[in-house]
Amino acid sequence: MSIALWPEGAPHAKGDSPEDRPSLTPYPVESAHPTGAVVICPGGGYQVRASHEGEPVARWLNGIGITAFVLHYRVAPYRHPCPLLDAQRAIRYVRFHAKRWNVDPHKIGILGFSAGGHLASVASTHFDGGIGGAEDPIDRESCRPDLTVLCYPVITFGEHRHHGSMVNLIGEIADETMRRSLSSELQVGPGTPPAFLWHTADDSGVPAENSMLYAGALSRHRIPYELHIFPHGKHGLGLAEHDPHVGQWTRLCGQWLKKHGF
């Protein structure tokens, strides 16, 4: 069952259809102790949200003891900042309701694929510690994720960009300031959370340089990260269950999440 992030209507909403109402679908796990939680952002070029990068990923996380939430964020014709507002609200919402789902409020991560990976990276580089004095108590919670998982992510709106994602999010003629603000490799700072990244070297949709740019920025700021570049594999593999080589990413990521207490 999906939960509306703003029951009274989302900021900048254009109407009241399901596409105007960002929501979270929870996939909780039973545990004697509070678990980590991960907000999942499916990909789709900021035009759609790929179903194979949603619920199946939540079920995988459940299988390793992590509560998951699939984010139904707004896509075109919505533009920036709407998807970012949705992701920030999702993190605040899970943190505010942590006890409801037996979640540790200090172990809330974000995971994204392709353009959803861009959204996850932007949420990991544009955050606050809570809006003090906000009328809505949810908005007083921090929207900083505690860690980030990026799967063949769109990262840059520079040379190696995925042009379609950029156009859907900010338009063809966005100014350089906006492009730089949403090129996550340029926005990494001391507070950016640790990250796990994977890509395929011959990804023809989103070049692997995107993951390498973000990893390089994390390295320069001495932020822990783990990066895997698999030699072959098409874009959009999701869990990659039918590719025994690339499919190793879930095991590797699970080990990384465990290392970070999730």
Protein backbone atom coordinates (compact mmCIF):
# COMPACT_ATOMS: atom_id res chain seq x y z
CA MET A 1 0.00 0.00 0.00
CA SER A 2 1.45 3.35 -1.02
CA ILE A 3 1.67 6.26 1.38
CA ALA A 4 1.30 9.83 0.11
CA LEU A 5 4.31 11.93 1.11
CA TRP A 6 2.13 15.04 1.23
CA PRO A 7 -1.48 13.97 1.90
CA GLU A 8 -2.70 17.53 1.37
CA GLY A 9 -0.89 17.88 -1.95
CA ALA A 10 2.77 18.05 -2.96
CA PRO A 11 4.65 21.31 -3.55
CA HIS A 12 4.34 22.51 -7.17
CA ALA A 13 1.64 19.89 -7.91
CA LYS A 14 -0.03 20.43 -11.28
CA GLY A 15 -3.12 18.36 -10.48
CA ASP A 16 -4.41 15.53 -8.34
CA SER A 17 -3.70 12.43 -10.43
CA PRO A 18 -1.41 9.63 -9.20
CA GLU A 19 1.42 11.22 -11.22
CA ASP A 20 0.98 14.42 -9.22
CA ARG A 21 1.22 12.65 -5.86
CA PRO A 22 4.66 11.38 -4.84
CA SER A 23 4.42 8.38 -2.55
CA LEU A 24 6.33 5.61 -0.79
CA THR A 25 5.55 1.91 -0.89
CA PRO A 26 6.98 0.24 2.24
CA TYR A 27 8.48 -3.25 2.34
CA PRO A 28 9.16 -3.85 6.05
CA VAL A 29 11.02 -6.77 7.59
CA GLU A 30 10.33 -8.50 10.89
CA SER A 31 13.17 -8.05 13.35
CA ALA A 32 13.75 -8.14 17.09
CA HIS A 33 15.90 -5.03 16.73
CA PRO A 34 15.62 -1.85 14.64
CA THR A 35 16.86 -2.41 11.08
CA GLY A 36 18.45 -0.21 8.48
CA ALA A 37 16.20 1.17 5.76
CA VAL A 38 16.79 2.08 2.11
CA VAL A 39 14.71 4.38 -0.10
CA ILE A 40 14.76 3.07 -3.70
CA CYS A 41 14.63 5.39 -6.72
CA PRO A 42 13.92 3.42 -9.92
CA GLY A 43 15.39 4.76 -13.15
CA GLY A 44 13.69 5.84 -16.35
CA GLY A 45 15.32 9.01 -17.64
CA TYR A 46 13.09 11.25 -15.47
CA GLN A 47 10.30 10.24 -17.87
CA VAL A 48 9.07 6.98 -16.31
CA ARG A 49 9.97 4.76 -13.32
CA ALA A 50 11.14 1.28 -14.27
CA SER A 51 9.18 -1.38 -12.40
CA HIS A 52 12.02 -3.94 -12.42
CA GLU A 53 14.12 -1.45 -10.43
CA GLY A 54 11.49 -1.08 -7.73
CA GLU A 55 9.73 -3.95 -5.98
CA PRO A 56 12.26 -6.69 -6.95
CA VAL A 57 15.03 -4.58 -5.42
CA ALA A 58 12.96 -4.05 -2.27
CA ARG A 59 12.46 -7.82 -1.98
CA TRP A 60 16.21 -8.38 -2.34
CA LEU A 61 16.87 -5.89 0.46
CA ASN A 62 14.25 -7.60 2.61
CA GLY A 63 16.09 -10.86 2.03
CA ILE A 64 19.22 -9.43 3.65
CA GLY A 65 17.30 -8.00 6.59
CA ILE A 66 16.77 -4.41 5.43
CA THR A 67 13.47 -2.56 5.32
CA ALA A 68 12.90 -0.94 1.93
CA PHE A 69 10.73 1.81 0.49
CA VAL A 70 10.11 2.31 -3.23
CA LEU A 71 9.79 5.99 -4.07
CA HIS A 72 7.20 7.07 -6.63
CA TYR A 73 8.84 10.41 -7.43
CA ARG A 74 7.57 12.89 -9.96
CA VAL A 75 8.86 12.72 -13.53
CA ALA A 76 8.31 14.76 -16.74
CA PRO A 77 6.51 17.03 -17.28
CA TYR A 78 7.68 17.79 -13.73
CA ARG A 79 11.14 19.29 -13.56
CA HIS A 80 13.70 20.20 -10.92
CA PRO A 81 13.28 20.69 -7.99
CA CYS A 82 10.26 18.38 -7.78
CA PRO A 83 12.06 14.99 -7.87
CA LEU A 84 14.62 16.23 -5.32
CA LEU A 85 11.89 17.53 -3.03
CA ASP A 86 10.22 14.10 -3.25
CA ALA A 87 13.45 12.26 -2.36
CA GLN A 88 14.22 14.61 0.52
CA ARG A 89 10.69 14.25 1.84
CA ALA A 90 10.94 10.45 1.59
CA ILE A 91 14.06 10.39 3.77
CA ARG A 92 12.51 12.78 6.29
CA TYR A 93 9.30 10.71 6.31
CA VAL A 94 11.07 7.41 7.01
CA ARG A 95 13.21 9.03 9.70
CA PHE A 96 10.17 10.63 11.38
CA HIS A 97 8.24 7.35 11.34
CA ALA A 98 11.23 5.14 12.18
CA LYS A 99 9.59 3.55 15.21
CA ARG A 100 6.50 2.68 13.18
CA TRP A 101 8.60 0.43 10.93
CA ASN A 102 11.17 -0.61 13.55
CA VAL A 103 13.87 1.29 11.67
CA ASP A 104 17.05 2.83 13.07
CA PRO A 105 16.73 6.56 12.24
CA HIS A 106 20.53 6.79 11.94
CA LYS A 107 20.66 4.06 9.27
CA ILE A 108 18.57 5.33 6.41
CA GLY A 109 20.11 5.07 2.96
CA ILE A 110 19.11 5.86 -0.60
CA LEU A 111 19.58 3.67 -3.67
CA GLY A 112 19.01 4.60 -7.28
CA PHE A 113 19.34 3.25 -10.82
CA SER A 114 20.27 5.35 -13.86
CA ALA A 115 18.30 8.62 -13.59
CA GLY A 116 17.11 7.37 -10.20
CA GLY A 117 20.80 7.13 -9.37
CA HIS A 118 21.14 10.77 -10.36
CA LEU A 119 18.31 11.60 -7.98
CA ALA A 120 19.96 9.57 -5.21
CA SER A 121 23.27 11.33 -5.80
CA VAL A 122 21.65 14.77 -5.79
CA ALA A 123 19.86 13.91 -2.54
CA SER A 124 23.27 12.88 -1.17
CA THR A 125 24.87 16.21 -2.06
CA HIS A 126 21.93 18.60 -1.47
CA PHE A 127 20.53 18.12 2.04
CA ASP A 128 19.87 19.84 5.32
CA GLY A 129 19.72 18.83 8.97
CA GLY A 130 16.03 19.63 9.19
CA ILE A 131 14.02 22.81 8.70
CA GLY A 132 13.93 24.37 12.14
CA GLY A 133 10.56 25.73 13.19
CA ALA A 134 8.74 24.07 10.28
CA GLU A 135 5.02 23.72 10.86
CA ASP A 136 5.10 20.12 9.64
CA PRO A 137 7.17 18.07 12.12
CA ILE A 138 8.34 15.78 9.30
CA ASP A 139 10.15 18.74 7.77
CA ARG A 140 12.15 19.18 10.98
CA GLU A 141 13.90 15.87 10.30
CA SER A 142 17.22 15.70 8.45
CA CYS A 143 17.01 14.70 4.77
CA ARG A 144 20.65 13.57 4.64
CA PRO A 145 20.92 9.87 3.75
CA ASP A 146 23.38 7.87 5.85
CA LEU A 147 24.73 6.07 2.80
CA THR A 148 24.20 5.89 -0.95
CA VAL A 149 23.98 3.03 -3.47
CA LEU A 150 24.33 4.09 -7.11
CA CYS A 151 23.62 1.58 -9.89
CA TYR A 152 24.76 2.66 -13.39
CA PRO A 153 23.89 6.20 -12.31
CA VAL A 154 23.54 9.39 -14.27
CA ILE A 155 25.90 11.73 -12.39
CA THR A 156 27.02 14.57 -14.61
CA PHE A 157 25.31 17.06 -16.88
CA GLY A 158 28.68 17.79 -18.43
CA GLU A 159 30.63 15.92 -21.10
CA HIS A 160 29.49 12.38 -20.24
CA ARG A 161 25.87 13.23 -19.51
CA HIS A 162 22.78 11.26 -20.44
CA HIS A 163 21.21 14.02 -22.48
CA GLY A 164 17.61 12.80 -22.24
CA SER A 165 17.67 12.75 -18.44
CA MET A 166 19.05 16.27 -18.37
CA VAL A 167 16.43 17.60 -20.79
CA ASN A 168 13.58 15.98 -18.86
CA LEU A 169 14.84 17.40 -15.57
CA ILE A 170 16.00 20.92 -16.44
CA GLY A 171 15.34 21.46 -20.15
CA GLU A 172 17.54 21.77 -23.21
CA ILE A 173 18.66 25.34 -22.54
CA ALA A 174 19.31 25.27 -18.79
CA ASP A 175 22.07 27.67 -17.78
CA GLU A 176 25.53 26.54 -16.73
CA THR A 177 24.90 27.28 -13.06
CA MET A 178 21.96 24.87 -12.99
CA ARG A 179 23.90 22.18 -14.87
CA ARG A 180 26.80 22.44 -12.42
CA SER A 181 24.49 22.39 -9.40
CA LEU A 182 22.99 19.12 -10.62
CA SER A 183 26.30 17.54 -11.70
CA SER A 184 26.85 15.58 -8.52
CA GLU A 185 30.59 15.09 -9.01
CA LEU A 186 30.92 18.86 -8.55
CA GLN A 187 28.76 18.96 -5.41
CA VAL A 188 30.45 16.34 -3.21
CA GLY A 189 31.51 17.85 0.11
CA PRO A 190 32.58 16.85 3.62
CA GLY A 191 29.04 15.81 4.60
CA THR A 192 28.39 13.61 1.56
CA PRO A 193 27.66 10.04 2.77
CA PRO A 194 29.69 6.94 1.84
CA ALA A 195 28.69 5.29 -1.43
CA PHE A 196 28.65 1.96 -3.24
CA LEU A 197 28.70 2.28 -7.02
CA TRP A 198 28.59 -0.14 -9.93
CA HIS A 199 28.50 0.20 -13.69
CA THR A 200 29.37 -1.77 -16.82
CA ALA A 201 32.27 -0.56 -18.93
CA ASP A 202 30.37 -0.88 -22.20
CA ASP A 203 27.12 0.71 -20.99
CA SER A 204 25.85 2.42 -24.14
CA GLY A 205 23.11 4.35 -22.35
CA VAL A 206 24.96 6.05 -19.50
CA PRO A 207 28.78 6.03 -19.82
CA ALA A 208 30.71 4.43 -16.97
CA GLU A 209 32.59 7.72 -16.59
CA ASN A 210 29.57 8.89 -14.59
CA SER A 211 30.31 6.46 -11.75
CA MET A 212 34.04 7.14 -12.00
CA LEU A 213 33.50 10.90 -11.75
CA TYR A 214 31.51 10.51 -8.54
CA ALA A 215 33.98 8.02 -7.06
CA GLY A 216 36.83 10.39 -7.88
CA ALA A 217 35.07 13.25 -6.10
CA LEU A 218 34.48 11.06 -3.04
CA SER A 219 38.14 10.05 -3.08
CA ARG A 220 39.32 13.68 -3.16
CA HIS A 221 37.17 14.41 -0.10
CA ARG A 222 38.35 11.23 1.66
CA ILE A 223 34.81 9.84 1.82
CA PRO A 224 34.64 6.02 1.85
CA TYR A 225 33.35 4.39 -1.31
CA GLU A 226 33.35 1.09 -3.16
CA LEU A 227 33.29 1.07 -6.97
CA HIS A 228 32.81 -1.91 -9.30
CA ILE A 229 33.10 -1.62 -13.09
CA PHE A 230 32.07 -4.86 -14.79
CA PRO A 231 33.48 -5.28 -18.32
CA HIS A 232 30.24 -6.14 -20.14
CA GLY A 233 26.52 -5.59 -19.68
CA LYS A 234 23.73 -3.54 -21.21
CA HIS A 235 22.22 -0.53 -19.48
CA GLY A 236 19.27 -1.09 -17.15
CA LEU A 237 20.09 -4.58 -15.82
CA GLY A 238 18.51 -4.02 -12.42
CA LEU A 239 19.34 -6.98 -10.18
CA ALA A 240 21.08 -8.61 -13.19
CA GLU A 241 19.78 -12.02 -12.13
CA HIS A 242 20.43 -13.51 -15.59
CA ASP A 243 24.01 -12.29 -15.78
CA PRO A 244 26.14 -14.33 -13.37
CA HIS A 245 29.04 -11.89 -13.59
CA VAL A 246 27.24 -8.55 -13.21
CA GLY A 247 24.74 -10.20 -10.86
CA GLN A 248 27.50 -10.36 -8.26
CA TRP A 249 26.77 -6.72 -7.46
CA THR A 250 23.99 -7.67 -5.04
CA ARG A 251 26.28 -9.90 -3.00
CA LEU A 252 29.02 -7.27 -2.97
CA CYS A 253 26.58 -4.53 -2.06
CA GLY A 254 25.03 -6.67 0.67
CA GLN A 255 28.45 -7.14 2.22
CA TRP A 256 29.08 -3.41 2.02
CA LEU A 257 25.74 -2.60 3.62
CA LYS A 258 26.48 -5.06 6.42
CA LYS A 259 29.87 -3.44 6.98
CA HIS A 260 28.04 -0.14 7.47
CA GLY A 261 25.69 -1.64 10.04
CA PHE A 262 22.65 -2.16 7.80
